[in-house]
Structure formats: structure tokens, C-alpha cells
């Protein structure tokens, strides 16, 4: 499925009003679909494990995966914009080195 062919109706995802974000959130939560997706990747979780850990229906996790995989350009752009926004405000993004 290409981005131009992606769904416009999602059962478990919704748009939120946010000045810098277009990506979708899990309905009824403050969790971005990309957070579920990246957490799964970082922790090498299966969709079932992610659903259990986030207390979500497996269908919601599968939908978040589908959304993130078909909207990579949007997610990368928003991550870059967020990084720039934080850097402009002097917010450190890397942990302090300790010796």
C-alpha cells in the first residue's frame, strides 16, 4: 500500500489538534501511534507483547504499525522538526557525559 493509497478511516487512530503534529494518536489516549511503533522496535517486541505492555487491543497495535509503515515521510519530518524546535530552545537532546 503506497502513501497515496493509505486508509483515510482508522478504527483505533485519531487526529489531534496540535500546532506541530499531524500524525495520529491511539483513540482515547495521549499516545502517538509512532510511540507504540518505535517502542516495539527498540524493545524487539511482537505486536502481542506491545498490546499487553500498552494495555491495548492487538488490533490497535496492528493499526498503529500499518499507519507508521505507510507514513514514514510524515513521521521523519515531524521528528526532525521536533528536534529543531527543542534545539532552538536550548533543550539538551543528548545525555551528559559522566567520567
PDB file of N, CA and C in Angstrom:
ATOM      1  N   UNK A   1       0.854  -1.175   0.000  1.00  0.00           N
ATOM      2  CA  UNK A   1       0.000   0.000   0.000  1.00  0.00           C
ATOM      3  C   UNK A   1       0.898   1.236   0.000  1.00  0.00           C
ATOM      4  N   UNK A   2       0.746   2.090  -0.988  1.00  0.00           N
ATOM      5  CA  UNK A   2       1.533   3.323  -1.034  1.00  0.00           C
ATOM      6  C   UNK A   2       0.847   4.388  -0.203  1.00  0.00           C
ATOM      7  N   UNK A   3       1.591   5.460   0.074  1.00  0.00           N
ATOM      8  CA  UNK A   3       1.013   6.513   0.904  1.00  0.00           C
ATOM      9  C   UNK A   3      -0.235   7.106   0.257  1.00  0.00           C
ATOM     10  N   UNK A   4      -0.264   7.180  -1.094  1.00  0.00           N
ATOM     11  CA  UNK A   4      -1.444   7.731  -1.754  1.00  0.00           C
ATOM     12  C   UNK A   4      -2.635   6.782  -1.672  1.00  0.00           C
ATOM     13  N   UNK A   5      -2.369   5.496  -1.370  1.00  0.00           N
ATOM     14  CA  UNK A   5      -3.439   4.517  -1.266  1.00  0.00           C
ATOM     15  C   UNK A   5      -3.822   4.211   0.179  1.00  0.00           C
ATOM     16  N   UNK A   6      -3.234   4.907   1.129  1.00  0.00           N
ATOM     17  CA  UNK A   6      -3.462   4.573   2.531  1.00  0.00           C
ATOM     18  C   UNK A   6      -4.894   4.876   2.953  1.00  0.00           C
ATOM     19  N   UNK A   7      -5.274   4.244   4.047  1.00  0.00           N
ATOM     20  CA  UNK A   7      -6.614   4.433   4.594  1.00  0.00           C
ATOM     21  C   UNK A   7      -6.844   5.880   5.004  1.00  0.00           C
ATOM     22  N   UNK A   8      -8.067   6.296   4.914  1.00  0.00           N
ATOM     23  CA  UNK A   8      -8.421   7.600   5.457  1.00  0.00           C
ATOM     24  C   UNK A   8      -9.254   7.423   6.722  1.00  0.00           C
ATOM     25  N   UNK A   9      -9.779   6.231   6.921  1.00  0.00           N
ATOM     26  CA  UNK A   9     -10.550   5.936   8.124  1.00  0.00           C
ATOM     27  C   UNK A   9      -9.798   4.902   8.948  1.00  0.00           C
ATOM     28  N   UNK A  10      -9.593   5.210  10.193  1.00  0.00           N
ATOM     29  CA  UNK A  10      -8.908   4.295  11.094  1.00  0.00           C
ATOM     30  C   UNK A  10      -9.837   3.994  12.249  1.00  0.00           C
ATOM     31  N   UNK A  11      -9.871   2.756  12.677  1.00  0.00           N
ATOM     32  CA  UNK A  11     -10.743   2.386  13.787  1.00  0.00           C
ATOM     33  C   UNK A  11     -10.162   2.795  15.133  1.00  0.00           C
ATOM     34  N   UNK A  12      -8.839   2.685  15.294  1.00  0.00           N
ATOM     35  CA  UNK A  12      -8.207   2.923  16.586  1.00  0.00           C
ATOM     36  C   UNK A  12      -7.348   4.178  16.639  1.00  0.00           C
ATOM     37  N   UNK A  13      -7.247   4.889  15.540  1.00  0.00           N
ATOM     38  CA  UNK A  13      -6.395   6.080  15.481  1.00  0.00           C
ATOM     39  C   UNK A  13      -7.221   7.317  15.219  1.00  0.00           C
ATOM     40  N   UNK A  14      -6.735   8.456  15.745  1.00  0.00           N
ATOM     41  CA  UNK A  14      -7.439   9.716  15.539  1.00  0.00           C
ATOM     42  C   UNK A  14      -6.455  10.867  15.450  1.00  0.00           C
ATOM     43  N   UNK A  15      -6.882  11.908  14.777  1.00  0.00           N
ATOM     44  CA  UNK A  15      -6.097  13.127  14.656  1.00  0.00           C
ATOM     45  C   UNK A  15      -6.349  13.991  15.890  1.00  0.00           C
ATOM     46  N   UNK A  16      -5.331  14.703  16.326  1.00  0.00           N
ATOM     47  CA  UNK A  16      -5.446  15.628  17.451  1.00  0.00           C
ATOM     48  C   UNK A  16      -5.068  17.018  16.998  1.00  0.00           C
ATOM     49  N   UNK A  17      -5.611  17.991  17.631  1.00  0.00           N
ATOM     50  CA  UNK A  17      -5.246  19.366  17.338  1.00  0.00           C
ATOM     51  C   UNK A  17      -3.905  19.657  18.004  1.00  0.00           C
ATOM     52  N   UNK A  18      -2.894  19.924  17.201  1.00  0.00           N
ATOM     53  CA  UNK A  18      -1.567  20.210  17.721  1.00  0.00           C
ATOM     54  C   UNK A  18      -0.871  21.122  16.718  1.00  0.00           C
ATOM     55  N   UNK A  19      -0.214  22.170  17.185  1.00  0.00           N
ATOM     56  CA  UNK A  19       0.395  23.129  16.255  1.00  0.00           C
ATOM     57  C   UNK A  19       1.535  22.558  15.409  1.00  0.00           C
ATOM     58  N   UNK A  20       2.217  21.510  15.869  1.00  0.00           N
ATOM     59  CA  UNK A  20       3.364  20.994  15.126  1.00  0.00           C
ATOM     60  C   UNK A  20       3.226  19.528  14.712  1.00  0.00           C
ATOM     61  N   UNK A  21       2.112  18.885  14.995  1.00  0.00           N
ATOM     62  CA  UNK A  21       1.981  17.464  14.685  1.00  0.00           C
ATOM     63  C   UNK A  21       0.743  17.164  13.860  1.00  0.00           C
ATOM     64  N   UNK A  22       0.955  16.347  12.845  1.00  0.00           N
ATOM     65  CA  UNK A  22      -0.155  15.854  12.026  1.00  0.00           C
ATOM     66  C   UNK A  22      -0.417  14.376  12.281  1.00  0.00           C
ATOM     67  N   UNK A  23       0.590  13.669  12.838  1.00  0.00           N
ATOM     68  CA  UNK A  23       0.450  12.226  12.992  1.00  0.00           C
ATOM     69  C   UNK A  23      -0.707  11.859  13.908  1.00  0.00           C
ATOM     70  N   UNK A  24      -1.150  10.635  13.802  1.00  0.00           N
ATOM     71  CA  UNK A  24      -2.319  10.168  14.542  1.00  0.00           C
ATOM     72  C   UNK A  24      -1.953   9.584  15.898  1.00  0.00           C
ATOM     73  N   UNK A  25      -2.938   9.603  16.779  1.00  0.00           N
ATOM     74  CA  UNK A  25      -2.827   9.090  18.145  1.00  0.00           C
ATOM     75  C   UNK A  25      -3.763   7.895  18.314  1.00  0.00           C
ATOM     76  N   UNK A  26      -3.481   7.065  19.308  1.00  0.00           N
ATOM     77  CA  UNK A  26      -4.396   5.991  19.681  1.00  0.00           C
ATOM     78  C   UNK A  26      -5.626   6.658  20.298  1.00  0.00           C
ATOM     79  N   UNK A  27      -6.802   6.334  19.790  1.00  0.00           N
ATOM     80  CA  UNK A  27      -8.041   6.955  20.284  1.00  0.00           C
ATOM     81  C   UNK A  27      -8.166   6.809  21.798  1.00  0.00           C
ATOM     82  N   UNK A  28      -8.605   7.884  22.428  1.00  0.00           N
ATOM     83  CA  UNK A  28      -8.848   7.865  23.862  1.00  0.00           C
ATOM     84  C   UNK A  28      -7.595   7.917  24.715  1.00  0.00           C
ATOM     85  N   UNK A  29      -6.441   8.143  24.088  1.00  0.00           N
ATOM     86  CA  UNK A  29      -5.185   8.214  24.839  1.00  0.00           C
ATOM     87  C   UNK A  29      -4.395   9.433  24.383  1.00  0.00           C
ATOM     88  N   UNK A  30      -3.282   9.667  25.029  1.00  0.00           N
ATOM     89  CA  UNK A  30      -2.356  10.717  24.608  1.00  0.00           C
ATOM     90  C   UNK A  30      -1.145  10.104  23.925  1.00  0.00           C
ATOM     91  N   UNK A  31      -1.286   8.872  23.460  1.00  0.00           N
ATOM     92  CA  UNK A  31      -0.171   8.114  22.889  1.00  0.00           C
ATOM     93  C   UNK A  31      -0.176   8.226  21.365  1.00  0.00           C
ATOM     94  N   UNK A  32       0.938   8.709  20.813  1.00  0.00           N
ATOM     95  CA  UNK A  32       1.084   8.762  19.359  1.00  0.00           C
ATOM     96  C   UNK A  32       1.303   7.345  18.841  1.00  0.00           C
ATOM     97  N   UNK A  33       0.759   7.077  17.667  1.00  0.00           N
ATOM     98  CA  UNK A  33       0.958   5.763  17.041  1.00  0.00           C
ATOM     99  C   UNK A  33       2.443   5.469  16.899  1.00  0.00           C
ATOM    100  N   UNK A  34       3.231   6.491  16.594  1.00  0.00           N
ATOM    101  CA  UNK A  34       4.670   6.299  16.405  1.00  0.00           C
ATOM    102  C   UNK A  34       5.376   5.880  17.690  1.00  0.00           C
ATOM    103  N   UNK A  35       4.833   6.234  18.838  1.00  0.00           N
ATOM    104  CA  UNK A  35       5.431   5.827  20.117  1.00  0.00           C
ATOM    105  C   UNK A  35       5.277   4.315  20.296  1.00  0.00           C
ATOM    106  N   UNK A  36       4.099   3.799  19.984  1.00  0.00           N
ATOM    107  CA  UNK A  36       3.866   2.352  20.068  1.00  0.00           C
ATOM    108  C   UNK A  36       4.815   1.635  19.107  1.00  0.00           C
ATOM    109  N   UNK A  37       4.879   2.133  17.890  1.00  0.00           N
ATOM    110  CA  UNK A  37       5.691   1.518  16.846  1.00  0.00           C
ATOM    111  C   UNK A  37       7.172   1.523  17.209  1.00  0.00           C
ATOM    112  N   UNK A  38       7.701   2.671  17.590  1.00  0.00           N
ATOM    113  CA  UNK A  38       9.133   2.750  17.908  1.00  0.00           C
ATOM    114  C   UNK A  38       9.465   1.959  19.172  1.00  0.00           C
ATOM    115  N   UNK A  39       8.579   1.951  20.151  1.00  0.00           N
ATOM    116  CA  UNK A  39       8.796   1.171  21.368  1.00  0.00           C
ATOM    117  C   UNK A  39       8.886  -0.319  21.043  1.00  0.00           C
ATOM    118  N   UNK A  40       8.028  -0.779  20.137  1.00  0.00           N
ATOM    119  CA  UNK A  40       8.064  -2.169  19.712  1.00  0.00           C
ATOM    120  C   UNK A  40       9.401  -2.516  19.074  1.00  0.00           C
ATOM    121  N   UNK A  41       9.889  -1.628  18.212  1.00  0.00           N
ATOM    122  CA  UNK A  41      11.152  -1.874  17.514  1.00  0.00           C
ATOM    123  C   UNK A  41      12.318  -1.869  18.492  1.00  0.00           C
ATOM    124  N   UNK A  42      12.393  -0.832  19.328  1.00  0.00           N
ATOM    125  CA  UNK A  42      13.500  -0.698  20.275  1.00  0.00           C
ATOM    126  C   UNK A  42      13.563  -1.884  21.231  1.00  0.00           C
ATOM    127  N   UNK A  43      12.422  -2.362  21.653  1.00  0.00           N
ATOM    128  CA  UNK A  43      12.376  -3.456  22.627  1.00  0.00           C
ATOM    129  C   UNK A  43      12.204  -4.836  21.997  1.00  0.00           C
ATOM    130  N   UNK A  44      12.267  -4.895  20.662  1.00  0.00           N
ATOM    131  CA  UNK A  44      12.129  -6.167  19.922  1.00  0.00           C
ATOM    132  C   UNK A  44      10.880  -6.930  20.356  1.00  0.00           C
ATOM    133  N   UNK A  45       9.761  -6.213  20.424  1.00  0.00           N
ATOM    134  CA  UNK A  45       8.501  -6.814  20.858  1.00  0.00           C
ATOM    135  C   UNK A  45       7.668  -7.251  19.660  1.00  0.00           C
ATOM    136  N   UNK A  46       6.864  -8.263  19.878  1.00  0.00           N
ATOM    137  CA  UNK A  46       5.857  -8.656  18.906  1.00  0.00           C
ATOM    138  C   UNK A  46       4.653  -7.727  19.101  1.00  0.00           C
ATOM    139  N   UNK A  47       3.765  -7.672  18.129  1.00  0.00           N
ATOM    140  CA  UNK A  47       2.550  -6.879  18.332  1.00  0.00           C
ATOM    141  C   UNK A  47       1.771  -7.319  19.575  1.00  0.00           C
ATOM    142  N   UNK A  48       1.737  -8.614  19.839  1.00  0.00           N
ATOM    143  CA  UNK A  48       1.027  -9.116  21.030  1.00  0.00           C
ATOM    144  C   UNK A  48       1.668  -8.609  22.312  1.00  0.00           C
ATOM    145  N   UNK A  49       2.984  -8.619  22.358  1.00  0.00           N
ATOM    146  CA  UNK A  49       3.687  -8.121  23.544  1.00  0.00           C
ATOM    147  C   UNK A  49       3.441  -6.625  23.726  1.00  0.00           C
ATOM    148  N   UNK A  50       3.481  -5.881  22.628  1.00  0.00           N
ATOM    149  CA  UNK A  50       3.223  -4.436  22.713  1.00  0.00           C
ATOM    150  C   UNK A  50       1.800  -4.182  23.197  1.00  0.00           C
ATOM    151  N   UNK A  51       0.851  -4.932  22.672  1.00  0.00           N
ATOM    152  CA  UNK A  51      -0.549  -4.764  23.094  1.00  0.00           C
ATOM    153  C   UNK A  51      -0.680  -5.011  24.593  1.00  0.00           C
ATOM    154  N   UNK A  52      -0.033  -6.050  25.083  1.00  0.00           N
ATOM    155  CA  UNK A  52      -0.067  -6.356  26.508  1.00  0.00           C
ATOM    156  C   UNK A  52       0.587  -5.232  27.318  1.00  0.00           C
ATOM    157  N   UNK A  53       1.787  -4.808  26.900  1.00  0.00           N
ATOM    158  CA  UNK A  53       2.531  -3.784  27.644  1.00  0.00           C
ATOM    159  C   UNK A  53       1.832  -2.440  27.651  1.00  0.00           C
ATOM    160  N   UNK A  54       1.147  -2.098  26.580  1.00  0.00           N
ATOM    161  CA  UNK A  54       0.454  -0.809  26.496  1.00  0.00           C
ATOM    162  C   UNK A  54      -1.017  -0.915  26.886  1.00  0.00           C
ATOM    163  N   UNK A  55      -1.474  -2.104  27.244  1.00  0.00           N
ATOM    164  CA  UNK A  55      -2.869  -2.353  27.605  1.00  0.00           C
ATOM    165  C   UNK A  55      -3.804  -1.877  26.487  1.00  0.00           C
ATOM    166  N   UNK A  56      -3.507  -2.353  25.270  1.00  0.00           N
ATOM    167  CA  UNK A  56      -4.280  -2.001  24.087  1.00  0.00           C
ATOM    168  C   UNK A  56      -4.751  -3.269  23.388  1.00  0.00           C
ATOM    169  N   UNK A  57      -5.826  -3.173  22.642  1.00  0.00           N
ATOM    170  CA  UNK A  57      -6.217  -4.325  21.827  1.00  0.00           C
ATOM    171  C   UNK A  57      -5.149  -4.575  20.755  1.00  0.00           C
ATOM    172  N   UNK A  58      -4.920  -5.827  20.428  1.00  0.00           N
ATOM    173  CA  UNK A  58      -3.933  -6.162  19.405  1.00  0.00           C
ATOM    174  C   UNK A  58      -4.252  -5.443  18.095  1.00  0.00           C
ATOM    175  N   UNK A  59      -5.526  -5.286  17.804  1.00  0.00           N
ATOM    176  CA  UNK A  59      -5.929  -4.604  16.564  1.00  0.00           C
ATOM    177  C   UNK A  59      -5.447  -3.154  16.539  1.00  0.00           C
ATOM    178  N   UNK A  60      -5.425  -2.511  17.697  1.00  0.00           N
ATOM    179  CA  UNK A  60      -4.939  -1.124  17.770  1.00  0.00           C
ATOM    180  C   UNK A  60      -3.443  -1.073  17.471  1.00  0.00           C
ATOM    181  N   UNK A  61      -2.696  -2.027  17.980  1.00  0.00           N
ATOM    182  CA  UNK A  61      -1.255  -2.080  17.725  1.00  0.00           C
ATOM    183  C   UNK A  61      -0.999  -2.365  16.247  1.00  0.00           C
ATOM    184  N   UNK A  62      -1.728  -3.313  15.679  1.00  0.00           N
ATOM    185  CA  UNK A  62      -1.555  -3.628  14.255  1.00  0.00           C
ATOM    186  C   UNK A  62      -1.887  -2.426  13.382  1.00  0.00           C
ATOM    187  N   UNK A  63      -2.903  -1.690  13.769  1.00  0.00           N
ATOM    188  CA  UNK A  63      -3.268  -0.488  13.017  1.00  0.00           C
ATOM    189  C   UNK A  63      -2.178   0.581  13.154  1.00  0.00           C
ATOM    190  N   UNK A  64      -1.614   0.731  14.334  1.00  0.00           N
ATOM    191  CA  UNK A  64      -0.522   1.692  14.539  1.00  0.00           C
ATOM    192  C   UNK A  64       0.679   1.313  13.676  1.00  0.00           C
ATOM    193  N   UNK A  65       0.976   0.025  13.589  1.00  0.00           N
ATOM    194  CA  UNK A  65       2.087  -0.440  12.750  1.00  0.00           C
ATOM    195  C   UNK A  65       1.811  -0.101  11.284  1.00  0.00           C
ATOM    196  N   UNK A  66       0.632  -0.429  10.821  1.00  0.00           N
ATOM    197  CA  UNK A  66       0.275  -0.141   9.430  1.00  0.00           C
ATOM    198  C   UNK A  66       0.378   1.356   9.141  1.00  0.00           C
ATOM    199  N   UNK A  67      -0.156   2.161  10.050  1.00  0.00           N
ATOM    200  CA  UNK A  67      -0.112   3.614   9.874  1.00  0.00           C
ATOM    201  C   UNK A  67       1.340   4.100   9.797  1.00  0.00           C
ATOM    202  N   UNK A  68       2.164   3.676  10.733  1.00  0.00           N
ATOM    203  CA  UNK A  68       3.550   4.149  10.775  1.00  0.00           C
ATOM    204  C   UNK A  68       4.344   3.687   9.555  1.00  0.00           C
ATOM    205  N   UNK A  69       4.111   2.473   9.122  1.00  0.00           N
ATOM    206  CA  UNK A  69       4.840   1.969   7.961  1.00  0.00           C
ATOM    207  C   UNK A  69       4.419   2.655   6.665  1.00  0.00           C
ATOM    208  N   UNK A  70       3.219   3.185   6.616  1.00  0.00           N
ATOM    209  CA  UNK A  70       2.749   3.859   5.403  1.00  0.00           C
ATOM    210  C   UNK A  70       2.871   5.382   5.480  1.00  0.00           C
ATOM    211  N   UNK A  71       3.375   5.891   6.603  1.00  0.00           N
ATOM    212  CA  UNK A  71       3.521   7.348   6.782  1.00  0.00           C
ATOM    213  C   UNK A  71       4.921   7.721   7.267  1.00  0.00           C
ATOM    214  N   UNK A  72       5.927   6.984   6.805  1.00  0.00           N
ATOM    215  CA  UNK A  72       7.307   7.211   7.242  1.00  0.00           C
ATOM    216  C   UNK A  72       7.780   8.639   6.955  1.00  0.00           C
ATOM    217  N   UNK A  73       7.434   9.182   5.797  1.00  0.00           N
ATOM    218  CA  UNK A  73       7.884  10.543   5.463  1.00  0.00           C
ATOM    219  C   UNK A  73       7.365  11.556   6.483  1.00  0.00           C
ATOM    220  N   UNK A  74       6.089  11.453   6.828  1.00  0.00           N
ATOM    221  CA  UNK A  74       5.493  12.356   7.818  1.00  0.00           C
ATOM    222  C   UNK A  74       6.184  12.201   9.170  1.00  0.00           C
ATOM    223  N   UNK A  75       6.390  10.979   9.606  1.00  0.00           N
ATOM    224  CA  UNK A  75       6.990  10.737  10.924  1.00  0.00           C
ATOM    225  C   UNK A  75       8.427  11.244  10.976  1.00  0.00           C
ATOM    226  N   UNK A  76       9.188  11.028   9.910  1.00  0.00           N
ATOM    227  CA  UNK A  76      10.566  11.531   9.864  1.00  0.00           C
ATOM    228  C   UNK A  76      10.590  13.049   9.866  1.00  0.00           C
ATOM    229  N   UNK A  77       9.705  13.660   9.106  1.00  0.00           N
ATOM    230  CA  UNK A  77       9.645  15.122   9.059  1.00  0.00           C
ATOM    231  C   UNK A  77       9.294  15.696  10.430  1.00  0.00           C
ATOM    232  N   UNK A  78       8.317  15.121  11.091  1.00  0.00           N
ATOM    233  CA  UNK A  78       7.923  15.621  12.414  1.00  0.00           C
ATOM    234  C   UNK A  78       9.032  15.416  13.444  1.00  0.00           C
ATOM    235  N   UNK A  79       9.746  14.305  13.370  1.00  0.00           N
ATOM    236  CA  UNK A  79      10.855  14.067  14.304  1.00  0.00           C
ATOM    237  C   UNK A  79      11.950  15.106  14.095  1.00  0.00           C
ATOM    238  N   UNK A  80      12.237  15.412  12.845  1.00  0.00           N
ATOM    239  CA  UNK A  80      13.251  16.417  12.528  1.00  0.00           C
ATOM    240  C   UNK A  80      12.815  17.800  13.012  1.00  0.00           C
ATOM    241  N   UNK A  81      11.550  18.142  12.780  1.00  0.00           N
ATOM    242  CA  UNK A  81      11.023  19.430  13.227  1.00  0.00           C
ATOM    243  C   UNK A  81      11.033  19.538  14.751  1.00  0.00           C
ATOM    244  N   UNK A  82      10.701  18.461  15.433  1.00  0.00           N
ATOM    245  CA  UNK A  82      10.698  18.458  16.908  1.00  0.00           C
ATOM    246  C   UNK A  82      12.112  18.648  17.438  1.00  0.00           C
ATOM    247  N   UNK A  83      13.085  17.974  16.817  1.00  0.00           N
ATOM    248  CA  UNK A  83      14.485  18.116  17.225  1.00  0.00           C
ATOM    249  C   UNK A  83      14.933  19.570  17.060  1.00  0.00           C
ATOM    250  N   UNK A  84      14.618  20.150  15.919  1.00  0.00           N
ATOM    251  CA  UNK A  84      14.990  21.544  15.654  1.00  0.00           C
ATOM    252  C   UNK A  84      14.310  22.484  16.662  1.00  0.00           C
ATOM    253  N   UNK A  85      13.040  22.249  16.939  1.00  0.00           N
ATOM    254  CA  UNK A  85      12.282  23.057  17.902  1.00  0.00           C
ATOM    255  C   UNK A  85      12.953  23.025  19.277  1.00  0.00           C
ATOM    256  N   UNK A  86      13.342  21.837  19.735  1.00  0.00           N
ATOM    257  CA  UNK A  86      13.970  21.706  21.048  1.00  0.00           C
ATOM    258  C   UNK A  86      15.361  22.339  21.062  1.00  0.00           C
ATOM    259  N   UNK A  87      16.135  22.129  19.995  1.00  0.00           N
ATOM    260  CA  UNK A  87      17.474  22.714  19.921  1.00  0.00           C
ATOM    261  C   UNK A  87      17.415  24.239  19.952  1.00  0.00           C
ATOM    262  N   UNK A  88      16.434  24.829  19.262  1.00  0.00           N
ATOM    263  CA  UNK A  88      16.285  26.285  19.242  1.00  0.00           C
ATOM    264  C   UNK A  88      15.999  26.840  20.633  1.00  0.00           C
ATOM    265  N   UNK A  89      15.435  26.023  21.498  1.00  0.00           N
ATOM    266  CA  UNK A  89      15.112  26.447  22.857  1.00  0.00           C
ATOM    267  C   UNK A  89      16.190  26.054  23.852  1.00  0.00           C
ATOM    268  N   UNK A  90      17.298  25.502  23.358  1.00  0.00           N
ATOM    269  CA  UNK A  90      18.417  25.150  24.226  1.00  0.00           C
ATOM    270  C   UNK A  90      18.184  23.922  25.080  1.00  0.00           C
ATOM    271  N   UNK A  91      17.248  23.077  24.686  1.00  0.00           N
ATOM    272  CA  UNK A  91      16.958  21.870  25.450  1.00  0.00           C
ATOM    273  C   UNK A  91      17.929  20.781  25.004  1.00  0.00           C
ATOM    274  N   UNK A  92      18.750  20.246  25.925  1.00  0.00           N
ATOM    275  CA  UNK A  92      19.723  19.220  25.545  1.00  0.00           C
ATOM    276  C   UNK A  92      19.031  17.932  25.093  1.00  0.00           C
ATOM    277  N   UNK A  93      19.527  17.370  24.005  1.00  0.00           N
ATOM    278  CA  UNK A  93      18.929  16.157  23.467  1.00  0.00           C
ATOM    279  C   UNK A  93      19.804  14.928  23.694  1.00  0.00           C
ATOM    280  N   UNK A  94      21.038  15.153  24.063  1.00  0.00           N
ATOM    281  CA  UNK A  94      21.957  14.050  24.328  1.00  0.00           C
ATOM    282  C   UNK A  94      22.244  14.003  25.825  1.00  0.00           C
ATOM    283  N   UNK A  95      22.413  12.797  26.366  1.00  0.00           N
ATOM    284  CA  UNK A  95      22.731  12.706  27.796  1.00  0.00           C
ATOM    285  C   UNK A  95      24.112  13.321  28.079  1.00  0.00           C
ATOM    286  N   UNK A  96      24.243  13.877  29.261  1.00  0.00           N
ATOM    287  CA  UNK A  96      25.543  14.436  29.667  1.00  0.00           C
ATOM    288  C   UNK A  96      26.526  13.294  29.879  1.00  0.00           C
ATOM    289  N   UNK A  97      27.742  13.520  29.396  1.00  0.00           N
ATOM    290  CA  UNK A  97      28.798  12.508  29.592  1.00  0.00           C
ATOM    291  C   UNK A  97      29.278  12.576  31.034  1.00  0.00           C
ATOM    292  N   UNK A  98      29.403  11.427  31.637  1.00  0.00           N
ATOM    293  CA  UNK A  98      29.922  11.364  33.003  1.00  0.00           C
ATOM    294  C   UNK A  98      31.223  10.584  32.996  1.00  0.00           C
ATOM    295  N   UNK A  99      32.188  11.084  33.713  1.00  0.00           N
ATOM    296  CA  UNK A  99      33.508  10.426  33.767  1.00  0.00           C
ATOM    297  C   UNK A  99      33.869  10.126  35.180  1.00  0.00           C
TER     298      UNK A  99
END
